[in-house]
Amino acid sequence: MALAAEIIVAVALLAGCAPAPVTVDASPSVPRMPSAAPTVPPSATATPPPSLGPTATAPGSLVLIGHDPLHGRGMNAALAIAGRYAYIGSRTDGAPRHRHPGILVVDIGNPAEPRVVHEIGPPEAGNRGESARELRVWPRQGLLIVLSFDCDPAGHDCDRFAAAPALRFFDIRGGHASVPALIRTFYPSRAPHEFYLWQDAQNADRALLYLSTPGGSRDDLLVIDISRVRTREPVEVATWRAPMVRDGRNDELHSVSVSPDGRRAYLAFQTAGFLVADVTSLADNGSVPAIAAVTPPDGRLRWRPVGPHSAVKLPGRPIVLTTDEVYGGIGADAGCPWGWARLIDVSDDTAPKLASEYRVQPYNDEAACPAIPEERKLHGSLSSHNPTVSAHIALVSWHAAGLQVFDTTDPSKPASLAAFVPDPLPTIGTEDPLLSSGPDKVVMWSYPIVRDGLIYVVDVRNGLFVLRYEGPNEQELSAIRFLEGNSNLGNGARP
């Protein structure tokens, strides 16, 4: 989530010159999911908003393979997958009014018929004031990793109840795959927001977590060694604060990703922009770990209004894809035209260059904003969010614009391939206060995961979707055994 969007802070930004944006229509003809009745008391009835633009004919399509509404609870969060199970967190807490606020375990052995088989509840998850927001699986060690932290009433409908940020490590080997067992809980020295799982390419039994730690004058980044977490406490091995002047306008590190070899980190600092850091000493497991900026302060890329939310590098190519996340509201950093994606040339990572923009029409076009109803502008989002990329295809969850797929073969001219916008569930347990309280009832949110050529993605409101891409370059996705945007596990052994 965008920190600025969560609190709807007005932002003014320095902006550089940008190339002409590439835009696509948001409503290609694709299969839609069948409506399914939720199993919890309803909170609202879904009323699809009117279309705002013509239907475009995209060269590809996303075929719906399977869907589970996740009890119709709403407020679904991050997704992780291993073996025949998916694990899905929650954006809200365990207040009595919320049903099934824990971590849901979904059997995906038959992708056409995913089904919830277990819920991790208190005290490991689903606690008051606490959101189980970020999840990864480290298959080498058979671990489910969950980052939980306190959540607020306005943004997540949580109770005002103090909860210390925690990393929880669950055993998912053997019989524990469907009923994860807590191994240990670790309380980091700083409050994290997101994390990236990096497995050492030279030693598969070694792994680091790179955590963004936004918060005023504190360090931006915390690195934790979890290699021996089954037998001992994780170890905090490095912290770092980027050497740049802060202007106080939401210039905090939101997300980080790391190159497969562990030598470069790609940092999304929102209003402070995008930059690259050298983390070679951590990859090499040096005795004195050090992090250094590669991109100098005056070389970083900045743009208005909010800046980068996520940043991931295309495999084998000197191109980084960033997304901006913008929620509804009033002000320079809120509402229409929301946020979109950018492709950045890092051939020279001391001086990254903006190659192109990718927008979804009409929502990311300022000229269309006057035609969009105020209720839609204020209480929803048609913004980019989390990206997963193969060498030439980008998969981006785009909130109410669904899952967007586009071609990055020519980084100066990204081209639309397909989109999937599901029919929303008619009613759910809890609407997201900021993302689905208005007329838009689709909130595609998680980092997509490609496993055995199928795409798994979570909608905050409508549950888990399993899709298959058909169209140009489809072989690139169909050949992938495993790929996600928030780890370097890549196209290796099937988790």
Protein backbone atom coordinates (compact mmCIF):
# COMPACT_ATOMS: atom_id res chain seq x y z
CA MET A 1 0.00 0.00 0.00
CA ALA A 2 1.14 3.58 -0.55
CA LEU A 3 1.94 5.30 2.71
CA ALA A 4 0.82 8.65 1.37
CA ALA A 5 -2.42 7.19 0.11
CA GLU A 6 -3.19 5.58 3.44
CA ILE A 7 -3.22 8.91 5.24
CA ILE A 8 -4.14 11.05 2.21
CA VAL A 9 -1.35 13.56 2.67
CA ALA A 10 -1.10 16.40 0.16
CA VAL A 11 2.21 16.30 -1.67
CA ALA A 12 4.08 18.69 -3.97
CA LEU A 13 6.97 17.20 -5.92
CA LEU A 14 9.86 18.05 -8.11
CA ALA A 15 9.27 16.53 -11.54
CA GLY A 16 11.57 15.72 -14.44
CA CYS A 17 10.76 15.47 -18.11
CA ALA A 18 8.92 12.29 -19.08
CA PRO A 19 8.40 10.61 -22.43
CA ALA A 20 4.95 10.42 -23.90
CA PRO A 21 2.88 7.83 -21.99
CA VAL A 22 1.65 4.61 -23.49
CA THR A 23 -2.02 4.14 -22.67
CA VAL A 24 -4.46 1.27 -22.99
CA ASP A 25 -8.17 0.80 -22.42
CA ALA A 26 -9.09 -0.96 -19.19
CA SER A 27 -11.97 -3.07 -20.40
CA PRO A 28 -10.88 -5.68 -22.97
CA SER A 29 -13.22 -8.57 -23.56
CA VAL A 30 -12.10 -11.31 -21.18
CA PRO A 31 -13.84 -14.05 -19.18
CA ARG A 32 -15.37 -12.91 -15.89
CA MET A 33 -15.82 -14.91 -12.75
CA PRO A 34 -19.23 -16.25 -11.78
CA SER A 35 -20.75 -14.53 -8.77
CA ALA A 36 -20.57 -16.62 -5.63
CA ALA A 37 -22.52 -16.11 -2.43
CA PRO A 38 -20.31 -15.26 0.56
CA THR A 39 -20.53 -17.27 3.77
CA VAL A 40 -20.47 -14.25 6.09
CA PRO A 41 -23.04 -11.54 6.83
CA PRO A 42 -23.08 -8.91 4.07
CA SER A 43 -21.77 -5.39 4.55
CA ALA A 44 -22.67 -3.91 1.18
CA THR A 45 -24.18 -4.75 -2.18
CA ALA A 46 -21.90 -4.48 -5.18
CA THR A 47 -23.07 -2.06 -7.86
CA PRO A 48 -20.69 -2.00 -10.81
CA PRO A 49 -19.89 1.58 -11.91
CA PRO A 50 -20.67 2.64 -15.46
CA SER A 51 -18.04 2.10 -18.14
CA LEU A 52 -16.07 5.23 -18.95
CA GLY A 53 -14.54 4.26 -22.26
CA PRO A 54 -14.85 2.08 -25.35
CA THR A 55 -13.90 -1.56 -25.25
CA ALA A 56 -10.48 -2.18 -26.76
CA THR A 57 -9.53 -5.40 -28.52
CA ALA A 58 -6.36 -6.68 -26.87
CA PRO A 59 -4.27 -9.27 -28.70
CA GLY A 60 -4.36 -11.68 -25.77
CA SER A 61 -6.71 -12.81 -23.03
CA LEU A 62 -6.73 -14.04 -19.45
CA VAL A 63 -8.79 -17.20 -19.07
CA LEU A 64 -10.37 -17.87 -15.68
CA ILE A 65 -9.29 -21.32 -14.46
CA GLY A 66 -10.45 -21.24 -10.85
CA HIS A 67 -11.71 -18.97 -8.07
CA ASP A 68 -12.34 -19.10 -4.33
CA PRO A 69 -14.15 -16.21 -2.58
CA LEU A 70 -12.20 -16.88 0.66
CA HIS A 71 -15.35 -17.05 2.77
CA GLY A 72 -16.46 -13.74 1.22
CA ARG A 73 -14.65 -12.07 4.12
CA GLY A 74 -13.08 -9.16 2.21
CA MET A 75 -9.85 -7.47 3.32
CA ASN A 76 -7.62 -10.14 1.78
CA ALA A 77 -3.91 -9.38 1.67
CA ALA A 78 -0.70 -10.99 0.42
CA LEU A 79 -0.40 -14.38 -1.26
CA ALA A 80 2.27 -17.09 -0.91
CA ILE A 81 2.34 -20.54 -2.55
CA ALA A 82 4.10 -23.84 -1.87
CA GLY A 83 3.21 -27.32 -3.04
CA ARG A 84 -0.55 -27.79 -3.23
CA TYR A 85 -1.34 -24.90 -0.88
CA ALA A 86 -1.72 -21.14 -1.05
CA TYR A 87 -1.52 -18.95 2.06
CA ILE A 88 -3.40 -15.64 2.17
CA GLY A 89 -3.16 -12.94 4.81
CA SER A 90 -5.60 -10.25 5.94
CA ARG A 91 -5.56 -6.45 5.77
CA THR A 92 -7.73 -6.15 8.87
CA ASP A 93 -7.63 -7.46 12.44
CA GLY A 94 -9.35 -9.92 14.74
CA ALA A 95 -12.00 -7.55 16.06
CA PRO A 96 -15.25 -9.48 16.74
CA ARG A 97 -17.01 -7.84 13.77
CA HIS A 98 -14.55 -9.41 11.31
CA ARG A 99 -15.10 -12.98 10.17
CA HIS A 100 -12.13 -15.20 9.31
CA PRO A 101 -9.46 -12.50 9.91
CA GLY A 102 -6.62 -15.00 10.13
CA ILE A 103 -4.34 -16.52 7.52
CA LEU A 104 -6.32 -18.74 5.16
CA VAL A 105 -4.84 -21.97 3.79
CA VAL A 106 -6.22 -22.84 0.36
CA ASP A 107 -5.84 -26.22 -1.35
CA ILE A 108 -4.83 -25.49 -4.96
CA GLY A 109 -4.01 -29.09 -5.86
CA ASN A 110 -6.75 -28.76 -8.47
CA PRO A 111 -6.31 -25.17 -9.74
CA ALA A 112 -9.83 -25.25 -11.21
CA GLU A 113 -11.33 -25.82 -7.76
CA PRO A 114 -9.31 -24.04 -5.07
CA ARG A 115 -10.86 -24.33 -1.60
CA VAL A 116 -10.12 -23.06 1.90
CA VAL A 117 -9.09 -25.94 4.17
CA HIS A 118 -7.73 -24.20 7.26
CA GLU A 119 -7.35 -20.85 9.02
CA ILE A 120 -4.43 -19.83 11.23
CA GLY A 121 -6.02 -17.90 14.08
CA PRO A 122 -5.02 -16.36 17.44
CA PRO A 123 -2.49 -16.08 18.86
CA GLU A 124 -0.46 -16.68 15.66
CA ALA A 125 -2.76 -14.55 13.46
CA GLY A 126 -6.09 -12.78 13.49
CA ASN A 127 -5.33 -10.81 16.65
CA ARG A 128 -6.96 -7.50 17.60
CA GLY A 129 -5.15 -4.49 16.20
CA GLU A 130 -2.87 -6.66 14.03
CA SER A 131 -2.84 -7.30 10.29
CA ALA A 132 -1.08 -10.34 8.75
CA ARG A 133 -0.10 -8.35 5.71
CA GLU A 134 3.03 -9.77 4.07
CA LEU A 135 3.63 -13.46 3.34
CA ARG A 136 6.39 -15.42 1.57
CA VAL A 137 7.36 -19.07 1.40
CA TRP A 138 10.98 -20.22 1.57
CA PRO A 139 10.58 -23.68 0.01
CA ARG A 140 14.16 -24.79 0.67
CA GLN A 141 13.47 -24.72 4.41
CA GLY A 142 9.75 -25.47 4.24
CA LEU A 143 8.89 -22.15 5.87
CA LEU A 144 5.95 -19.77 5.65
CA ILE A 145 7.10 -16.28 6.66
CA VAL A 146 4.48 -13.78 7.84
CA LEU A 147 5.01 -10.11 8.63
CA SER A 148 2.32 -8.71 10.93
CA PHE A 149 1.99 -5.18 12.24
CA ASP A 150 -0.55 -2.85 13.78
CA CYS A 151 -3.30 -1.51 11.55
CA ASP A 152 -5.45 1.59 11.82
CA PRO A 153 -9.23 2.09 12.05
CA ALA A 154 -9.49 4.55 9.15
CA GLY A 155 -7.52 2.59 6.59
CA HIS A 156 -8.21 -1.01 7.65
CA ASP A 157 -11.23 -1.01 9.98
CA CYS A 158 -9.04 -2.28 12.83
CA ASP A 159 -9.58 -1.71 16.53
CA ARG A 160 -7.32 0.75 18.32
CA PHE A 161 -5.21 -1.89 19.95
CA ALA A 162 -1.42 -1.88 20.18
CA ALA A 163 0.35 -4.69 18.32
CA ALA A 164 4.12 -5.00 18.02
CA PRO A 165 5.47 -5.66 14.50
CA ALA A 166 6.44 -9.32 14.25
CA LEU A 167 7.91 -11.85 11.86
CA ARG A 168 6.40 -15.30 12.40
CA PHE A 169 7.95 -18.42 10.91
CA PHE A 170 5.74 -21.46 10.33
CA ASP A 171 6.70 -25.03 9.50
CA ILE A 172 4.90 -26.17 6.32
CA ARG A 173 6.73 -29.45 5.76
CA GLY A 174 4.79 -32.69 5.46
CA GLY A 175 1.49 -32.65 7.33
CA HIS A 176 2.07 -29.06 8.40
CA ALA A 177 1.59 -27.84 4.83
CA SER A 178 -2.17 -27.65 5.37
CA VAL A 179 -1.97 -26.80 9.08
CA PRO A 180 1.16 -24.65 9.53
CA ALA A 181 2.87 -24.89 12.90
CA LEU A 182 4.58 -21.87 14.46
CA ILE A 183 8.33 -22.32 14.90
CA ARG A 184 9.18 -18.92 16.33
CA THR A 185 8.22 -15.26 16.50
CA PHE A 186 10.82 -12.55 15.96
CA TYR A 187 10.31 -8.89 16.86
CA PRO A 188 12.52 -6.69 14.64
CA SER A 189 14.17 -3.60 16.11
CA ARG A 190 12.34 -1.35 13.64
CA ALA A 191 8.78 -1.41 12.34
CA PRO A 192 8.78 -2.86 8.80
CA HIS A 193 6.26 -2.19 6.06
CA GLU A 194 7.20 -4.70 3.33
CA PHE A 195 9.95 -7.25 2.78
CA TYR A 196 11.80 -9.04 0.00
CA LEU A 197 13.02 -12.64 0.36
CA TRP A 198 16.45 -13.22 -1.16
CA GLN A 199 17.87 -16.75 -1.38
CA ASP A 200 21.62 -16.97 -1.95
CA ALA A 201 22.28 -18.23 -5.48
CA GLN A 202 25.51 -19.86 -4.27
CA ASN A 203 24.06 -21.41 -1.11
CA ALA A 204 20.37 -22.32 -1.18
CA ASP A 205 20.38 -22.79 2.61
CA ARG A 206 21.13 -19.11 3.14
CA ALA A 207 18.46 -16.42 2.89
CA LEU A 208 18.11 -12.76 3.79
CA LEU A 209 15.03 -10.60 4.31
CA TYR A 210 15.27 -7.01 3.08
CA LEU A 211 12.70 -4.97 4.98
CA SER A 212 11.62 -1.40 4.25
CA THR A 213 11.39 0.44 7.58
CA PRO A 214 9.73 3.80 6.89
CA GLY A 215 9.35 6.25 9.72
CA GLY A 216 10.75 9.77 9.89
CA SER A 217 14.39 9.99 10.90
CA ARG A 218 15.00 6.26 11.23
CA ASP A 219 16.91 3.99 8.88
CA ASP A 220 15.18 3.12 5.61
CA LEU A 221 16.26 -0.49 5.31
CA LEU A 222 16.78 -3.43 7.66
CA VAL A 223 18.39 -6.72 6.56
CA ILE A 224 17.83 -9.92 8.53
CA ASP A 225 19.59 -13.27 8.10
CA ILE A 226 17.05 -16.09 8.50
CA SER A 227 19.32 -18.94 7.38
CA ARG A 228 19.10 -20.83 10.69
CA VAL A 229 15.66 -19.75 11.80
CA ARG A 230 14.56 -23.34 12.42
CA THR A 231 17.10 -23.69 15.22
CA ARG A 232 17.92 -20.16 16.37
CA GLU A 233 16.83 -16.53 16.30
CA PRO A 234 17.19 -14.56 13.07
CA VAL A 235 20.04 -12.06 13.08
CA GLU A 236 19.81 -8.41 12.04
CA VAL A 237 22.92 -7.96 9.93
CA ALA A 238 22.60 -4.45 8.45
CA THR A 239 20.66 -1.22 8.53
CA TRP A 240 20.91 1.71 6.16
CA ARG A 241 19.63 5.21 5.59
CA ALA A 242 19.90 6.64 2.09
CA PRO A 243 22.26 9.63 1.95
CA MET A 244 19.87 12.27 0.66
CA VAL A 245 18.14 15.36 1.92
CA ARG A 246 14.63 14.67 3.19
CA ASP A 247 11.88 17.18 2.49
CA GLY A 248 9.38 15.55 4.83
CA ARG A 249 6.77 14.86 2.15
CA ASN A 250 6.39 11.09 2.37
CA ASP A 251 9.95 10.51 1.21
CA GLU A 252 10.20 7.12 2.89
CA LEU A 253 11.25 3.77 1.49
CA HIS A 254 8.14 1.81 0.60
CA SER A 255 9.48 -1.25 -1.22
CA VAL A 256 12.75 -2.94 -2.07
CA SER A 257 13.72 -5.72 -4.46
CA VAL A 258 17.11 -7.36 -4.95
CA SER A 259 18.86 -8.75 -8.03
CA PRO A 260 19.13 -12.57 -8.14
CA ASP A 261 22.89 -12.38 -7.51
CA GLY A 262 22.26 -10.17 -4.49
CA ARG A 263 24.51 -7.32 -5.61
CA ARG A 264 21.98 -4.61 -6.37
CA ALA A 265 18.89 -3.40 -4.53
CA TYR A 266 16.17 -1.44 -6.31
CA LEU A 267 14.51 1.06 -4.01
CA ALA A 268 11.12 2.76 -4.29
CA PHE A 269 11.18 5.85 -2.09
CA GLN A 270 7.83 7.30 -3.17
CA THR A 271 8.19 11.12 -3.27
CA ALA A 272 11.97 10.81 -2.85
CA GLY A 273 12.10 8.78 -6.05
CA PHE A 274 13.86 5.70 -7.39
CA LEU A 275 17.48 4.74 -6.78
CA VAL A 276 19.83 1.75 -6.83
CA ALA A 277 22.03 0.55 -3.94
CA ASP A 278 25.06 -1.73 -3.80
CA VAL A 279 24.49 -4.67 -1.43
CA THR A 280 27.38 -6.84 -2.65
CA SER A 281 28.89 -7.30 0.81
CA LEU A 282 25.63 -8.84 2.01
CA ALA A 283 25.52 -11.21 -0.96
CA ASP A 284 29.12 -12.22 -0.23
CA ASN A 285 28.36 -12.68 3.48
CA GLY A 286 31.20 -10.35 4.36
CA SER A 287 32.37 -9.89 7.93
CA VAL A 288 31.41 -6.21 7.82
CA PRO A 289 28.19 -5.89 5.82
CA ALA A 290 27.78 -2.52 4.13
CA ILE A 291 25.20 -0.88 1.91
CA ALA A 292 26.07 2.01 -0.38
CA ALA A 293 24.08 4.17 -2.77
CA VAL A 294 24.97 3.61 -6.42
CA THR A 295 22.62 6.32 -7.65
CA PRO A 296 23.72 9.71 -6.23
CA PRO A 297 21.02 11.95 -4.73
CA ASP A 298 21.03 14.23 -7.77
CA GLY A 299 20.81 11.24 -10.11
CA ARG A 300 17.66 9.65 -8.70
CA LEU A 301 14.43 9.77 -10.65
CA ARG A 302 11.49 11.68 -9.18
CA TRP A 303 8.04 12.39 -10.54
CA ARG A 304 4.76 13.79 -9.41
CA PRO A 305 2.53 13.30 -7.57
CA VAL A 306 3.45 10.35 -5.34
CA GLY A 307 6.45 8.53 -6.80
CA PRO A 308 7.34 4.83 -6.89
CA HIS A 309 5.51 2.31 -4.73
CA SER A 310 7.31 -0.82 -6.01
CA ALA A 311 10.37 -1.44 -8.19
CA VAL A 312 11.32 -4.78 -9.79
CA LYS A 313 13.95 -5.51 -12.43
CA LEU A 314 13.11 -7.42 -15.61
CA PRO A 315 15.07 -10.72 -15.62
CA GLY A 316 18.25 -10.49 -17.69
CA ARG A 317 17.53 -6.96 -18.91
CA PRO A 318 18.72 -3.51 -17.69
CA ILE A 319 15.13 -2.37 -17.17
CA VAL A 320 13.25 -1.79 -13.91
CA LEU A 321 9.47 -1.60 -13.75
CA THR A 322 7.98 0.69 -11.11
CA THR A 323 4.39 1.20 -10.02
CA ASP A 324 2.75 4.12 -8.25
CA GLU A 325 -0.15 3.51 -5.89
CA VAL A 326 -2.70 6.30 -5.42
CA TYR A 327 -5.87 5.99 -3.39
CA GLY A 328 -9.05 8.05 -3.66
CA GLY A 329 -9.31 11.48 -2.09
CA ILE A 330 -8.75 15.15 -2.75
CA GLY A 331 -5.39 16.77 -3.41
CA ALA A 332 -2.31 16.53 -5.60
CA ASP A 333 -1.51 12.98 -4.51
CA ALA A 334 -4.98 11.45 -4.37
CA GLY A 335 -7.74 10.30 -6.67
CA CYS A 336 -7.95 10.59 -10.46
CA PRO A 337 -5.76 10.02 -12.47
CA TRP A 338 -4.45 7.65 -9.77
CA GLY A 339 -1.11 5.88 -10.44
CA TRP A 340 0.49 3.92 -13.26
CA ALA A 341 3.62 2.00 -14.26
CA ARG A 342 6.97 3.17 -15.60
CA LEU A 343 9.91 1.43 -17.27
CA ILE A 344 13.33 2.71 -16.20
CA ASP A 345 16.62 2.11 -18.02
CA VAL A 346 19.34 1.15 -15.50
CA SER A 347 22.09 0.40 -18.02
CA ASP A 348 23.95 3.04 -16.03
CA ASP A 349 22.58 2.64 -12.52
CA THR A 350 24.33 5.81 -11.41
CA ALA A 351 21.96 7.71 -13.70
CA PRO A 352 18.67 5.83 -14.27
CA LYS A 353 16.61 7.11 -17.19
CA LEU A 354 12.86 7.01 -17.69
CA ALA A 355 12.14 4.94 -20.80
CA SER A 356 8.33 5.02 -20.90
CA GLU A 357 5.07 5.13 -18.98
CA TYR A 358 2.23 2.63 -19.14
CA ARG A 359 -1.23 3.92 -18.25
CA VAL A 360 -4.66 2.33 -18.31
CA GLN A 361 -7.32 4.37 -20.07
CA PRO A 362 -9.41 6.19 -19.19
CA TYR A 363 -8.56 6.05 -15.51
CA ASN A 364 -4.95 7.26 -15.66
CA ASP A 365 -5.72 10.11 -18.07
CA GLU A 366 -6.18 13.54 -16.53
CA ALA A 367 -8.39 14.56 -19.44
CA ALA A 368 -10.91 11.88 -18.41
CA CYS A 369 -11.07 12.91 -14.74
CA PRO A 370 -13.94 15.43 -15.09
CA ALA A 371 -16.20 12.65 -16.41
CA ILE A 372 -15.53 10.37 -13.44
CA PRO A 373 -18.14 10.67 -10.63
CA GLU A 374 -16.85 12.21 -7.40
CA GLU A 375 -17.86 9.16 -5.37
CA ARG A 376 -15.63 7.05 -7.58
CA LYS A 377 -12.73 9.47 -7.22
CA LEU A 378 -13.01 9.76 -3.45
CA HIS A 379 -13.64 6.21 -2.25
CA GLY A 380 -11.79 3.87 -4.56
CA SER A 381 -8.68 3.39 -6.63
CA LEU A 382 -7.92 2.58 -10.26
CA SER A 383 -4.20 2.56 -9.58
CA SER A 384 -1.31 0.23 -10.26
CA HIS A 385 -0.08 -1.71 -7.24
CA ASN A 386 2.12 -4.83 -7.18
CA PRO A 387 4.16 -6.08 -10.20
CA THR A 388 5.58 -9.44 -11.21
CA VAL A 389 7.71 -9.52 -14.36
CA SER A 390 9.17 -12.07 -16.73
CA ALA A 391 11.74 -11.01 -19.32
CA HIS A 392 9.15 -9.54 -21.70
CA ILE A 393 5.78 -9.64 -19.91
CA ALA A 394 4.58 -7.58 -16.96
CA LEU A 395 1.74 -8.69 -14.68
CA VAL A 396 0.44 -5.84 -12.50
CA SER A 397 -2.43 -5.85 -10.03
CA TRP A 398 -4.24 -2.59 -10.82
CA HIS A 399 -6.90 -2.29 -8.10
CA ALA A 400 -10.33 -1.68 -9.72
CA ALA A 401 -8.83 -2.05 -13.21
CA GLY A 402 -8.11 -5.68 -12.38
CA LEU A 403 -5.02 -7.60 -13.46
CA GLN A 404 -3.20 -5.87 -16.31
CA VAL A 405 -0.77 -7.70 -18.60
CA PHE A 406 1.51 -5.84 -21.00
CA ASP A 407 4.48 -6.44 -23.28
CA THR A 408 7.84 -4.86 -22.36
CA THR A 409 9.86 -6.17 -25.32
CA ASP A 410 10.40 -2.59 -26.49
CA PRO A 411 10.86 -0.66 -23.23
CA SER A 412 10.11 2.61 -25.03
CA LYS A 413 6.72 1.29 -26.18
CA PRO A 414 5.06 -1.11 -23.73
CA ALA A 415 1.95 -2.62 -25.29
CA SER A 416 -1.26 -3.99 -23.81
CA LEU A 417 -1.71 -7.77 -23.99
CA ALA A 418 -4.71 -8.59 -21.77
CA ALA A 419 -6.67 -7.66 -18.67
CA PHE A 420 -8.96 -9.46 -16.23
CA VAL A 421 -11.62 -7.56 -14.31
CA PRO A 422 -13.87 -9.96 -12.37
CA ASP A 423 -17.54 -9.52 -11.63
CA PRO A 424 -17.53 -8.63 -7.93
CA LEU A 425 -19.17 -10.69 -5.22
CA PRO A 426 -22.62 -9.23 -4.46
CA THR A 427 -21.89 -8.88 -0.74
CA ILE A 428 -18.92 -9.44 1.55
CA GLY A 429 -18.09 -9.33 5.24
CA THR A 430 -15.94 -6.18 5.40
CA GLU A 431 -15.44 -3.55 2.72
CA ASP A 432 -12.03 -1.91 2.54
CA PRO A 433 -12.57 1.62 3.92
CA LEU A 434 -10.30 3.21 1.32
CA LEU A 435 -10.43 0.86 -1.65
CA SER A 436 -13.93 -0.59 -1.99
CA SER A 437 -16.25 1.66 0.04
CA GLY A 438 -17.25 3.50 -3.16
CA PRO A 439 -18.92 2.13 -6.29
CA ASP A 440 -15.88 0.12 -7.46
CA LYS A 441 -15.99 -3.36 -5.95
CA VAL A 442 -12.86 -4.87 -7.52
CA VAL A 443 -9.48 -4.40 -5.79
CA MET A 444 -6.82 -6.59 -7.45
CA TRP A 445 -4.00 -6.25 -4.94
CA SER A 446 -1.36 -8.95 -4.44
CA TYR A 447 1.89 -9.59 -6.27
CA PRO A 448 0.82 -12.08 -8.96
CA ILE A 449 2.49 -15.49 -8.72
CA VAL A 450 3.17 -17.62 -11.79
CA ARG A 451 3.34 -21.33 -10.99
CA ASP A 452 3.46 -24.03 -13.67
CA GLY A 453 2.33 -21.46 -16.22
CA LEU A 454 -0.79 -20.39 -14.28
CA ILE A 455 -1.25 -16.98 -12.66
CA TYR A 456 -2.45 -16.74 -9.05
CA VAL A 457 -3.57 -13.34 -7.76
CA VAL A 458 -5.64 -12.05 -4.82
CA ASP A 459 -8.37 -9.42 -4.91
CA VAL A 460 -8.85 -7.63 -1.56
CA ARG A 461 -12.60 -7.95 -1.87
CA ASN A 462 -13.32 -10.91 -4.12
CA GLY A 463 -10.83 -13.62 -3.25
CA LEU A 464 -8.26 -15.80 -5.00
CA PHE A 465 -8.17 -16.12 -8.80
CA VAL A 466 -6.33 -18.63 -10.95
CA LEU A 467 -5.83 -17.47 -14.55
CA ARG A 468 -4.07 -18.54 -17.71
CA TYR A 469 -2.65 -16.05 -20.19
CA GLU A 470 -3.18 -16.76 -23.89
CA GLY A 471 -1.71 -14.52 -26.55
CA PRO A 472 1.60 -13.10 -27.83
CA ASN A 473 4.62 -14.52 -26.00
CA GLU A 474 2.37 -16.91 -24.06
CA GLN A 475 5.14 -19.51 -24.13
CA GLU A 476 7.22 -17.25 -21.89
CA LEU A 477 4.67 -17.56 -19.09
CA SER A 478 3.61 -21.14 -19.79
CA ALA A 479 7.23 -22.31 -19.41
CA ILE A 480 7.65 -20.71 -15.98
CA ARG A 481 7.70 -23.11 -13.05
CA PHE A 482 7.65 -20.39 -10.39
CA LEU A 483 7.91 -16.60 -10.38
CA GLU A 484 6.86 -13.86 -7.97
CA GLY A 485 7.67 -10.18 -7.69
CA ASN A 486 8.77 -10.12 -4.04
CA SER A 487 11.48 -12.80 -3.99
CA ASN A 488 14.31 -13.99 -6.21
CA LEU A 489 13.18 -17.62 -6.20
CA GLY A 490 12.67 -17.20 -9.92
CA ASN A 491 12.10 -19.92 -12.47
CA GLY A 492 13.80 -22.67 -10.53
CA ALA A 493 12.43 -25.68 -8.69
CA ARG A 494 8.69 -25.70 -8.16
CA PRO A 495 7.87 -24.52 -4.60
